[in-house]
Amino acid sequence: MPVPNVTRWRSDTAKIALTTARRALTLAATASFEHSVLSGNSAGEVKRGTTLKRPRGGSRNPKHETRIRGVLFDFDGTLTRPGALDFPAIKRKIQCPAGIAILEYLDGLPSLGRAACLKLLEAMEEEAARTAVPNTGAEPCLLSLKKEEIPFGILTRNSLSSVRIALERFERIRLEDFKTVLTRDDFLPKPHPEGVFQAAARMGVEPPELMVVGDYRFDVLAGKAANAVAVLLSNGGEPVMEPGDPEPDHKVDNLLQILEILGITSP
């Protein structure tokens, strides 16, 4: 990839510098938490070991003693229909090897190269967001949660700008409807559970009272590491979990089935 002009990318490099110290821990921390999950010692049990009081309100989860008092969604491929974001094309553009996740690849690049690749990534994310459409059952699911006064949020490895653009294509849901929106600039990216902990705190719930919904194994790993209720959305596609991964607490084909788990009547 040609090296960009230093002045042109100065603002991007400065932006990267704000999160470099935290991101430098990502690969080691991710490996540590994956090992913790696979060995049955979740981060939630380590950090959140106090006995929970049974809350009022919320919906009963049949597999857990606590009630679900908040729902945290992945964005691309979960709230939006899969396929808008072409990950293989992005990897080719930034020369990311096939076996490495994009953000983890960027973390290993020199500062200037990372800024240039991040610029390309953000441009491709925003282009995809302009063609994104709500996933099957996404808006009815969110509207039902809103009606039941169950807070919901977003936890994504994407940029905030792409989330804003894609949400403009929703008819009845707006960014302001979400209790919290956390992007890659706010937290160590999934599968690290930091974002789940942050979201739970912002939503005013304990991690075991939080349902984490996503379409990829990173969503399940992050949810399980935080001791939250992990739900894998298949979208009718191929399995995404790998041998040795923890089992999600629930598997659904579409987002309306989230309401069934929560005991909420579908619209």
C-alpha atoms as a PDB file:
ATOM      1  CA  MET A   1       0.000   0.000   0.000  1.00  0.00           C
ATOM      2  CA  PRO A   2       1.443   3.447  -0.883  1.00  0.00           C
ATOM      3  CA  VAL A   3       2.478   5.493   2.131  1.00  0.00           C
ATOM      4  CA  PRO A   4       0.161   8.519   2.433  1.00  0.00           C
ATOM      5  CA  ASN A   5       1.314  12.086   2.895  1.00  0.00           C
ATOM      6  CA  VAL A   6       2.027  12.701   6.582  1.00  0.00           C
ATOM      7  CA  THR A   7       0.187  16.001   6.716  1.00  0.00           C
ATOM      8  CA  ARG A   8      -2.873  14.574   5.022  1.00  0.00           C
ATOM      9  CA  TRP A   9      -3.242  11.865   7.631  1.00  0.00           C
ATOM     10  CA  ARG A  10      -2.175  13.887  10.671  1.00  0.00           C
ATOM     11  CA  SER A  11      -5.668  14.171  12.120  1.00  0.00           C
ATOM     12  CA  ASP A  12      -6.221  10.443  11.731  1.00  0.00           C
ATOM     13  CA  THR A  13      -2.910   9.676  13.388  1.00  0.00           C
ATOM     14  CA  ALA A  14      -3.850  11.902  16.310  1.00  0.00           C
ATOM     15  CA  LYS A  15      -7.147  10.074  16.613  1.00  0.00           C
ATOM     16  CA  ILE A  16      -5.346   6.759  16.675  1.00  0.00           C
ATOM     17  CA  ALA A  17      -2.996   8.053  19.374  1.00  0.00           C
ATOM     18  CA  LEU A  18      -5.914   8.650  21.729  1.00  0.00           C
ATOM     19  CA  THR A  19      -6.673   4.937  21.871  1.00  0.00           C
ATOM     20  CA  THR A  20      -3.264   3.395  21.223  1.00  0.00           C
ATOM     21  CA  ALA A  21      -2.436   2.697  24.865  1.00  0.00           C
ATOM     22  CA  ARG A  22      -5.727   0.901  25.448  1.00  0.00           C
ATOM     23  CA  ARG A  23      -5.705  -0.901  22.106  1.00  0.00           C
ATOM     24  CA  ALA A  24      -2.141  -2.129  22.704  1.00  0.00           C
ATOM     25  CA  LEU A  25      -3.603  -4.502  25.277  1.00  0.00           C
ATOM     26  CA  THR A  26      -6.254  -5.899  22.935  1.00  0.00           C
ATOM     27  CA  LEU A  27      -4.561  -9.023  21.597  1.00  0.00           C
ATOM     28  CA  ALA A  28      -3.180 -10.152  24.951  1.00  0.00           C
ATOM     29  CA  ALA A  29      -6.379  -9.297  26.791  1.00  0.00           C
ATOM     30  CA  THR A  30      -8.532 -11.024  24.195  1.00  0.00           C
ATOM     31  CA  ALA A  31      -6.477 -14.199  24.416  1.00  0.00           C
ATOM     32  CA  SER A  32      -6.674 -14.066  28.196  1.00  0.00           C
ATOM     33  CA  PHE A  33     -10.445 -13.679  28.230  1.00  0.00           C
ATOM     34  CA  GLU A  34     -10.949 -16.369  25.570  1.00  0.00           C
ATOM     35  CA  HIS A  35      -8.920 -18.717  27.761  1.00  0.00           C
ATOM     36  CA  SER A  36     -10.966 -17.653  30.782  1.00  0.00           C
ATOM     37  CA  VAL A  37     -14.242 -18.384  29.011  1.00  0.00           C
ATOM     38  CA  LEU A  38     -13.117 -21.716  27.614  1.00  0.00           C
ATOM     39  CA  SER A  39     -11.878 -22.796  31.041  1.00  0.00           C
ATOM     40  CA  GLY A  40     -15.221 -21.924  32.622  1.00  0.00           C
ATOM     41  CA  ASN A  41     -13.979 -18.956  34.669  1.00  0.00           C
ATOM     42  CA  SER A  42     -15.894 -15.993  33.253  1.00  0.00           C
ATOM     43  CA  ALA A  43     -14.821 -12.401  33.792  1.00  0.00           C
ATOM     44  CA  GLY A  44     -18.231 -11.699  35.199  1.00  0.00           C
ATOM     45  CA  GLU A  45     -17.668 -14.223  37.979  1.00  0.00           C
ATOM     46  CA  VAL A  46     -14.340 -12.592  38.817  1.00  0.00           C
ATOM     47  CA  LYS A  47     -15.417  -8.944  38.760  1.00  0.00           C
ATOM     48  CA  ARG A  48     -19.113  -9.181  39.481  1.00  0.00           C
ATOM     49  CA  GLY A  49     -19.255 -11.868  42.161  1.00  0.00           C
ATOM     50  CA  THR A  50     -21.815 -10.268  44.482  1.00  0.00           C
ATOM     51  CA  THR A  51     -25.209 -11.865  44.917  1.00  0.00           C
ATOM     52  CA  LEU A  52     -27.837 -10.117  42.838  1.00  0.00           C
ATOM     53  CA  LYS A  53     -31.110  -8.984  44.298  1.00  0.00           C
ATOM     54  CA  ARG A  54     -34.133 -10.098  42.320  1.00  0.00           C
ATOM     55  CA  PRO A  55     -35.140  -6.947  40.404  1.00  0.00           C
ATOM     56  CA  ARG A  56     -38.622  -5.700  39.839  1.00  0.00           C
ATOM     57  CA  GLY A  57     -39.869  -5.490  36.261  1.00  0.00           C
ATOM     58  CA  GLY A  58     -38.036  -6.864  33.255  1.00  0.00           C
ATOM     59  CA  SER A  59     -38.650 -10.254  31.685  1.00  0.00           C
ATOM     60  CA  ARG A  60     -37.902 -13.666  33.079  1.00  0.00           C
ATOM     61  CA  ASN A  61     -35.203 -15.668  31.335  1.00  0.00           C
ATOM     62  CA  PRO A  62     -35.941 -19.404  31.713  1.00  0.00           C
ATOM     63  CA  LYS A  63     -32.263 -20.403  31.824  1.00  0.00           C
ATOM     64  CA  HIS A  64     -31.181 -17.924  34.504  1.00  0.00           C
ATOM     65  CA  GLU A  65     -32.166 -16.977  38.038  1.00  0.00           C
ATOM     66  CA  THR A  66     -32.068 -13.244  37.297  1.00  0.00           C
ATOM     67  CA  ARG A  67     -34.421 -11.296  35.081  1.00  0.00           C
ATOM     68  CA  ILE A  68     -33.376  -9.714  31.807  1.00  0.00           C
ATOM     69  CA  ARG A  69     -33.476  -5.956  32.346  1.00  0.00           C
ATOM     70  CA  GLY A  70     -31.603  -4.804  29.234  1.00  0.00           C
ATOM     71  CA  VAL A  71     -30.686  -5.994  25.741  1.00  0.00           C
ATOM     72  CA  LEU A  72     -27.392  -5.198  24.012  1.00  0.00           C
ATOM     73  CA  PHE A  73     -27.247  -5.673  20.239  1.00  0.00           C
ATOM     74  CA  ASP A  74     -24.417  -6.014  17.785  1.00  0.00           C
ATOM     75  CA  PHE A  75     -25.059  -3.798  14.766  1.00  0.00           C
ATOM     76  CA  ASP A  76     -23.848  -4.978  11.355  1.00  0.00           C
ATOM     77  CA  GLY A  77     -25.477  -8.323  10.533  1.00  0.00           C
ATOM     78  CA  THR A  78     -27.647  -8.142  13.635  1.00  0.00           C
ATOM     79  CA  LEU A  79     -29.749  -4.979  13.585  1.00  0.00           C
ATOM     80  CA  THR A  80     -28.942  -4.542   9.895  1.00  0.00           C
ATOM     81  CA  ARG A  81     -29.290  -7.251   7.274  1.00  0.00           C
ATOM     82  CA  PRO A  82     -26.091  -9.247   6.635  1.00  0.00           C
ATOM     83  CA  GLY A  83     -24.096  -8.622   3.485  1.00  0.00           C
ATOM     84  CA  ALA A  84     -23.924  -4.831   3.292  1.00  0.00           C
ATOM     85  CA  LEU A  85     -20.380  -4.791   4.642  1.00  0.00           C
ATOM     86  CA  ASP A  86     -18.023  -6.799   2.414  1.00  0.00           C
ATOM     87  CA  PHE A  87     -15.348  -7.994   4.838  1.00  0.00           C
ATOM     88  CA  PRO A  88     -13.259  -9.895   2.232  1.00  0.00           C
ATOM     89  CA  ALA A  89     -13.132  -6.739   0.078  1.00  0.00           C
ATOM     90  CA  ILE A  90     -12.050  -4.646   3.063  1.00  0.00           C
ATOM     91  CA  LYS A  91      -9.317  -7.135   3.896  1.00  0.00           C
ATOM     92  CA  ARG A  92      -8.018  -7.070   0.345  1.00  0.00           C
ATOM     93  CA  LYS A  93      -8.019  -3.269   0.345  1.00  0.00           C
ATOM     94  CA  ILE A  94      -5.971  -2.979   3.530  1.00  0.00           C
ATOM     95  CA  GLN A  95      -3.921  -6.131   2.830  1.00  0.00           C
ATOM     96  CA  CYS A  96      -5.213  -7.938   5.915  1.00  0.00           C
ATOM     97  CA  PRO A  97      -4.460 -11.697   5.941  1.00  0.00           C
ATOM     98  CA  ALA A  98      -7.510 -13.937   5.746  1.00  0.00           C
ATOM     99  CA  GLY A  99      -6.993 -15.533   9.148  1.00  0.00           C
ATOM    100  CA  ILE A 100      -6.776 -12.282  11.137  1.00  0.00           C
ATOM    101  CA  ALA A 101      -9.669 -10.060  12.250  1.00  0.00           C
ATOM    102  CA  ILE A 102      -9.504  -6.533  10.828  1.00  0.00           C
ATOM    103  CA  LEU A 103      -9.156  -4.528  14.046  1.00  0.00           C
ATOM    104  CA  GLU A 104      -6.557  -6.898  15.435  1.00  0.00           C
ATOM    105  CA  TYR A 105      -4.609  -6.556  12.179  1.00  0.00           C
ATOM    106  CA  LEU A 106      -4.741  -2.760  12.427  1.00  0.00           C
ATOM    107  CA  ASP A 107      -3.438  -2.889  15.992  1.00  0.00           C
ATOM    108  CA  GLY A 108      -0.255  -4.536  14.728  1.00  0.00           C
ATOM    109  CA  LEU A 109       0.529  -1.877  12.114  1.00  0.00           C
ATOM    110  CA  PRO A 110       2.860   1.122  12.551  1.00  0.00           C
ATOM    111  CA  SER A 111       1.017   4.320  13.487  1.00  0.00           C
ATOM    112  CA  LEU A 112       1.089   5.910  10.033  1.00  0.00           C
ATOM    113  CA  GLY A 113       0.004   2.747   8.222  1.00  0.00           C
ATOM    114  CA  ARG A 114      -2.716   2.142  10.795  1.00  0.00           C
ATOM    115  CA  ALA A 115      -4.117   5.636  10.257  1.00  0.00           C
ATOM    116  CA  ALA A 116      -4.212   5.117   6.489  1.00  0.00           C
ATOM    117  CA  CYS A 117      -5.917   1.737   6.782  1.00  0.00           C
ATOM    118  CA  LEU A 118      -8.390   3.086   9.323  1.00  0.00           C
ATOM    119  CA  LYS A 119      -9.295   5.832   6.863  1.00  0.00           C
ATOM    120  CA  LEU A 120     -10.028   3.229   4.195  1.00  0.00           C
ATOM    121  CA  LEU A 121     -11.984   1.075   6.648  1.00  0.00           C
ATOM    122  CA  GLU A 122     -14.178   3.978   7.748  1.00  0.00           C
ATOM    123  CA  ALA A 123     -14.867   4.984   4.144  1.00  0.00           C
ATOM    124  CA  MET A 124     -15.947   1.464   3.206  1.00  0.00           C
ATOM    125  CA  GLU A 125     -18.082   1.166   6.351  1.00  0.00           C
ATOM    126  CA  GLU A 126     -19.872   4.420   5.558  1.00  0.00           C
ATOM    127  CA  GLU A 127     -20.420   3.368   1.939  1.00  0.00           C
ATOM    128  CA  ALA A 128     -21.967   0.097   3.121  1.00  0.00           C
ATOM    129  CA  ALA A 129     -24.091   1.931   5.695  1.00  0.00           C
ATOM    130  CA  ARG A 130     -25.740   3.967   2.939  1.00  0.00           C
ATOM    131  CA  THR A 131     -27.150   0.762   1.453  1.00  0.00           C
ATOM    132  CA  ALA A 132     -27.909  -1.013   4.735  1.00  0.00           C
ATOM    133  CA  VAL A 133     -31.458  -2.044   5.584  1.00  0.00           C
ATOM    134  CA  PRO A 134     -32.968  -3.171   8.898  1.00  0.00           C
ATOM    135  CA  ASN A 135     -32.651  -6.875   9.561  1.00  0.00           C
ATOM    136  CA  THR A 136     -35.725  -9.105   9.650  1.00  0.00           C
ATOM    137  CA  GLY A 137     -37.749  -8.239  12.733  1.00  0.00           C
ATOM    138  CA  ALA A 138     -35.278  -5.580  13.915  1.00  0.00           C
ATOM    139  CA  GLU A 139     -37.662  -2.627  14.168  1.00  0.00           C
ATOM    140  CA  PRO A 140     -40.614  -4.589  15.619  1.00  0.00           C
ATOM    141  CA  CYS A 141     -38.249  -6.112  18.188  1.00  0.00           C
ATOM    142  CA  LEU A 142     -36.835  -2.744  19.236  1.00  0.00           C
ATOM    143  CA  LEU A 143     -40.266  -1.112  19.314  1.00  0.00           C
ATOM    144  CA  SER A 144     -41.583  -3.906  21.532  1.00  0.00           C
ATOM    145  CA  LEU A 145     -38.663  -3.506  23.934  1.00  0.00           C
ATOM    146  CA  LYS A 146     -39.306   0.235  23.991  1.00  0.00           C
ATOM    147  CA  LYS A 147     -42.989  -0.333  24.750  1.00  0.00           C
ATOM    148  CA  GLU A 148     -42.076  -2.698  27.609  1.00  0.00           C
ATOM    149  CA  GLU A 149     -39.584  -0.105  28.911  1.00  0.00           C
ATOM    150  CA  ILE A 150     -36.670  -2.533  28.601  1.00  0.00           C
ATOM    151  CA  PRO A 151     -33.597  -0.456  27.699  1.00  0.00           C
ATOM    152  CA  PHE A 152     -31.522  -1.514  24.719  1.00  0.00           C
ATOM    153  CA  GLY A 153     -28.136  -0.537  23.347  1.00  0.00           C
ATOM    154  CA  ILE A 154     -25.557  -1.172  20.637  1.00  0.00           C
ATOM    155  CA  LEU A 155     -22.086  -2.678  21.020  1.00  0.00           C
ATOM    156  CA  THR A 156     -20.219  -2.770  17.714  1.00  0.00           C
ATOM    157  CA  ARG A 157     -16.741  -3.041  16.259  1.00  0.00           C
ATOM    158  CA  ASN A 158     -17.854  -0.520  13.626  1.00  0.00           C
ATOM    159  CA  SER A 159     -17.456   3.277  13.619  1.00  0.00           C
ATOM    160  CA  LEU A 160     -20.058   5.601  15.114  1.00  0.00           C
ATOM    161  CA  SER A 161     -20.421   7.461  11.818  1.00  0.00           C
ATOM    162  CA  SER A 162     -21.440   4.265   9.980  1.00  0.00           C
ATOM    163  CA  VAL A 163     -23.963   3.429  12.710  1.00  0.00           C
ATOM    164  CA  ARG A 164     -25.509   6.904  12.428  1.00  0.00           C
ATOM    165  CA  ILE A 165     -25.784   6.619   8.635  1.00  0.00           C
ATOM    166  CA  ALA A 166     -27.332   3.136   8.728  1.00  0.00           C
ATOM    167  CA  LEU A 167     -29.873   4.083  11.410  1.00  0.00           C
ATOM    168  CA  GLU A 168     -31.165   6.837   9.138  1.00  0.00           C
ATOM    169  CA  ARG A 169     -32.502   4.037   6.956  1.00  0.00           C
ATOM    170  CA  PHE A 170     -34.702   2.734   9.797  1.00  0.00           C
ATOM    171  CA  GLU A 171     -38.267   4.009   9.619  1.00  0.00           C
ATOM    172  CA  ARG A 172     -39.335   4.081  13.271  1.00  0.00           C
ATOM    173  CA  ILE A 173     -36.127   3.776  15.267  1.00  0.00           C
ATOM    174  CA  ARG A 174     -33.573   6.528  15.818  1.00  0.00           C
ATOM    175  CA  LEU A 175     -30.191   6.756  17.506  1.00  0.00           C
ATOM    176  CA  GLU A 176     -31.802   8.505  20.476  1.00  0.00           C
ATOM    177  CA  ASP A 177     -33.914   5.408  21.212  1.00  0.00           C
ATOM    178  CA  PHE A 178     -30.813   3.506  22.331  1.00  0.00           C
ATOM    179  CA  LYS A 179     -29.765   3.789  25.956  1.00  0.00           C
ATOM    180  CA  THR A 180     -26.121   3.505  24.942  1.00  0.00           C
ATOM    181  CA  VAL A 181     -24.122   3.120  21.724  1.00  0.00           C
ATOM    182  CA  LEU A 182     -20.565   1.852  22.077  1.00  0.00           C
ATOM    183  CA  THR A 183     -18.232   1.629  19.081  1.00  0.00           C
ATOM    184  CA  ARG A 184     -14.609   0.553  18.617  1.00  0.00           C
ATOM    185  CA  ASP A 185     -13.396   3.956  19.847  1.00  0.00           C
ATOM    186  CA  ASP A 186     -15.046   3.392  23.237  1.00  0.00           C
ATOM    187  CA  PHE A 187     -13.884  -0.066  24.293  1.00  0.00           C
ATOM    188  CA  LEU A 188     -11.523  -2.954  23.685  1.00  0.00           C
ATOM    189  CA  PRO A 189     -13.244  -4.693  20.768  1.00  0.00           C
ATOM    190  CA  LYS A 190     -15.198  -7.908  21.137  1.00  0.00           C
ATOM    191  CA  PRO A 191     -14.486 -10.681  22.053  1.00  0.00           C
ATOM    192  CA  HIS A 192     -13.061  -8.724  25.007  1.00  0.00           C
ATOM    193  CA  PRO A 193     -15.924  -8.122  27.474  1.00  0.00           C
ATOM    194  CA  GLU A 194     -15.007  -4.526  28.373  1.00  0.00           C
ATOM    195  CA  GLY A 195     -17.760  -3.128  26.164  1.00  0.00           C
ATOM    196  CA  VAL A 196     -20.358  -5.401  27.777  1.00  0.00           C
ATOM    197  CA  PHE A 197     -19.367  -4.170  31.237  1.00  0.00           C
ATOM    198  CA  GLN A 198     -19.478  -0.546  30.073  1.00  0.00           C
ATOM    199  CA  ALA A 199     -22.866  -1.000  28.431  1.00  0.00           C
ATOM    200  CA  ALA A 200     -24.330  -2.689  31.498  1.00  0.00           C
ATOM    201  CA  ALA A 201     -23.171   0.185  33.706  1.00  0.00           C
ATOM    202  CA  ARG A 202     -24.608   2.796  31.353  1.00  0.00           C
ATOM    203  CA  MET A 203     -27.891   0.917  31.128  1.00  0.00           C
ATOM    204  CA  GLY A 204     -28.144   0.605  34.903  1.00  0.00           C
ATOM    205  CA  VAL A 205     -28.119  -3.205  35.042  1.00  0.00           C
ATOM    206  CA  GLU A 206     -25.768  -5.939  36.212  1.00  0.00           C
ATOM    207  CA  PRO A 207     -24.098  -8.047  33.454  1.00  0.00           C
ATOM    208  CA  PRO A 208     -26.123 -11.189  34.367  1.00  0.00           C
ATOM    209  CA  GLU A 209     -29.275  -9.101  33.809  1.00  0.00           C
ATOM    210  CA  LEU A 210     -28.107  -8.141  30.323  1.00  0.00           C
ATOM    211  CA  MET A 211     -28.859 -10.067  27.128  1.00  0.00           C
ATOM    212  CA  VAL A 212     -26.116  -9.784  24.482  1.00  0.00           C
ATOM    213  CA  VAL A 213     -27.323 -10.497  20.939  1.00  0.00           C
ATOM    214  CA  GLY A 214     -25.061 -10.910  17.909  1.00  0.00           C
ATOM    215  CA  ASP A 215     -24.465 -12.856  14.731  1.00  0.00           C
ATOM    216  CA  TYR A 216     -20.827 -13.833  15.275  1.00  0.00           C
ATOM    217  CA  ARG A 217     -18.769 -15.830  17.748  1.00  0.00           C
ATOM    218  CA  PHE A 218     -17.127 -12.659  19.095  1.00  0.00           C
ATOM    219  CA  ASP A 219     -20.535 -11.550  20.402  1.00  0.00           C
ATOM    220  CA  VAL A 220     -21.014 -14.833  22.235  1.00  0.00           C
ATOM    221  CA  LEU A 221     -17.473 -14.845  23.626  1.00  0.00           C
ATOM    222  CA  ALA A 222     -17.819 -11.277  24.929  1.00  0.00           C
ATOM    223  CA  GLY A 223     -21.207 -11.979  26.467  1.00  0.00           C
ATOM    224  CA  LYS A 224     -20.107 -15.186  28.159  1.00  0.00           C
ATOM    225  CA  ALA A 225     -16.887 -13.591  29.450  1.00  0.00           C
ATOM    226  CA  ALA A 226     -18.975 -10.860  31.088  1.00  0.00           C
ATOM    227  CA  ASN A 227     -21.389 -13.429  32.577  1.00  0.00           C
ATOM    228  CA  ALA A 228     -24.228 -11.950  30.516  1.00  0.00           C
ATOM    229  CA  VAL A 229     -26.904 -13.930  28.664  1.00  0.00           C
ATOM    230  CA  ALA A 230     -25.456 -14.613  25.204  1.00  0.00           C
ATOM    231  CA  VAL A 231     -27.787 -15.033  22.217  1.00  0.00           C
ATOM    232  CA  LEU A 232     -26.476 -16.097  18.811  1.00  0.00           C
ATOM    233  CA  LEU A 233     -28.439 -14.848  15.800  1.00  0.00           C
ATOM    234  CA  SER A 234     -28.005 -17.253  12.887  1.00  0.00           C
ATOM    235  CA  ASN A 235     -29.870 -15.289  10.186  1.00  0.00           C
ATOM    236  CA  GLY A 236     -30.439 -18.711   8.658  1.00  0.00           C
ATOM    237  CA  GLY A 237     -26.758 -18.941   7.720  1.00  0.00           C
ATOM    238  CA  GLU A 238     -23.842 -21.268   8.344  1.00  0.00           C
ATOM    239  CA  PRO A 239     -22.509 -21.962  11.881  1.00  0.00           C
ATOM    240  CA  VAL A 240     -19.990 -19.365  13.070  1.00  0.00           C
ATOM    241  CA  MET A 241     -18.844 -20.924  16.352  1.00  0.00           C
ATOM    242  CA  GLU A 242     -15.562 -22.783  16.481  1.00  0.00           C
ATOM    243  CA  PRO A 243     -14.656 -26.017  18.311  1.00  0.00           C
ATOM    244  CA  GLY A 244     -14.108 -25.301  21.975  1.00  0.00           C
ATOM    245  CA  ASP A 245     -16.166 -22.102  22.005  1.00  0.00           C
ATOM    246  CA  PRO A 246     -18.703 -21.780  24.827  1.00  0.00           C
ATOM    247  CA  GLU A 247     -22.263 -22.504  23.844  1.00  0.00           C
ATOM    248  CA  PRO A 248     -24.561 -19.472  23.599  1.00  0.00           C
ATOM    249  CA  ASP A 249     -27.423 -19.438  26.082  1.00  0.00           C
ATOM    250  CA  HIS A 250     -29.903 -19.150  23.200  1.00  0.00           C
ATOM    251  CA  LYS A 251     -29.854 -19.485  19.415  1.00  0.00           C
ATOM    252  CA  VAL A 252     -32.374 -17.633  17.250  1.00  0.00           C
ATOM    253  CA  ASP A 253     -32.997 -17.354  13.518  1.00  0.00           C
ATOM    254  CA  ASN A 254     -34.438 -13.841  13.631  1.00  0.00           C
ATOM    255  CA  LEU A 255     -34.806 -10.989  16.107  1.00  0.00           C
ATOM    256  CA  LEU A 256     -38.509 -11.548  16.754  1.00  0.00           C
ATOM    257  CA  GLN A 257     -37.511 -14.729  18.575  1.00  0.00           C
ATOM    258  CA  ILE A 258     -35.774 -12.495  21.126  1.00  0.00           C
ATOM    259  CA  LEU A 259     -39.225 -11.410  22.228  1.00  0.00           C
ATOM    260  CA  GLU A 260     -40.270 -15.038  22.727  1.00  0.00           C
ATOM    261  CA  ILE A 261     -37.277 -15.619  25.017  1.00  0.00           C
ATOM    262  CA  LEU A 262     -38.250 -12.534  27.011  1.00  0.00           C
ATOM    263  CA  GLY A 263     -41.909 -13.567  27.199  1.00  0.00           C
ATOM    264  CA  ILE A 264     -43.068 -10.555  25.190  1.00  0.00           C
ATOM    265  CA  THR A 265     -45.888 -10.925  22.694  1.00  0.00           C
ATOM    266  CA  SER A 266     -44.692 -10.236  19.145  1.00  0.00           C
ATOM    267  CA  PRO A 267     -46.401  -7.308  17.389  1.00  0.00           C
END
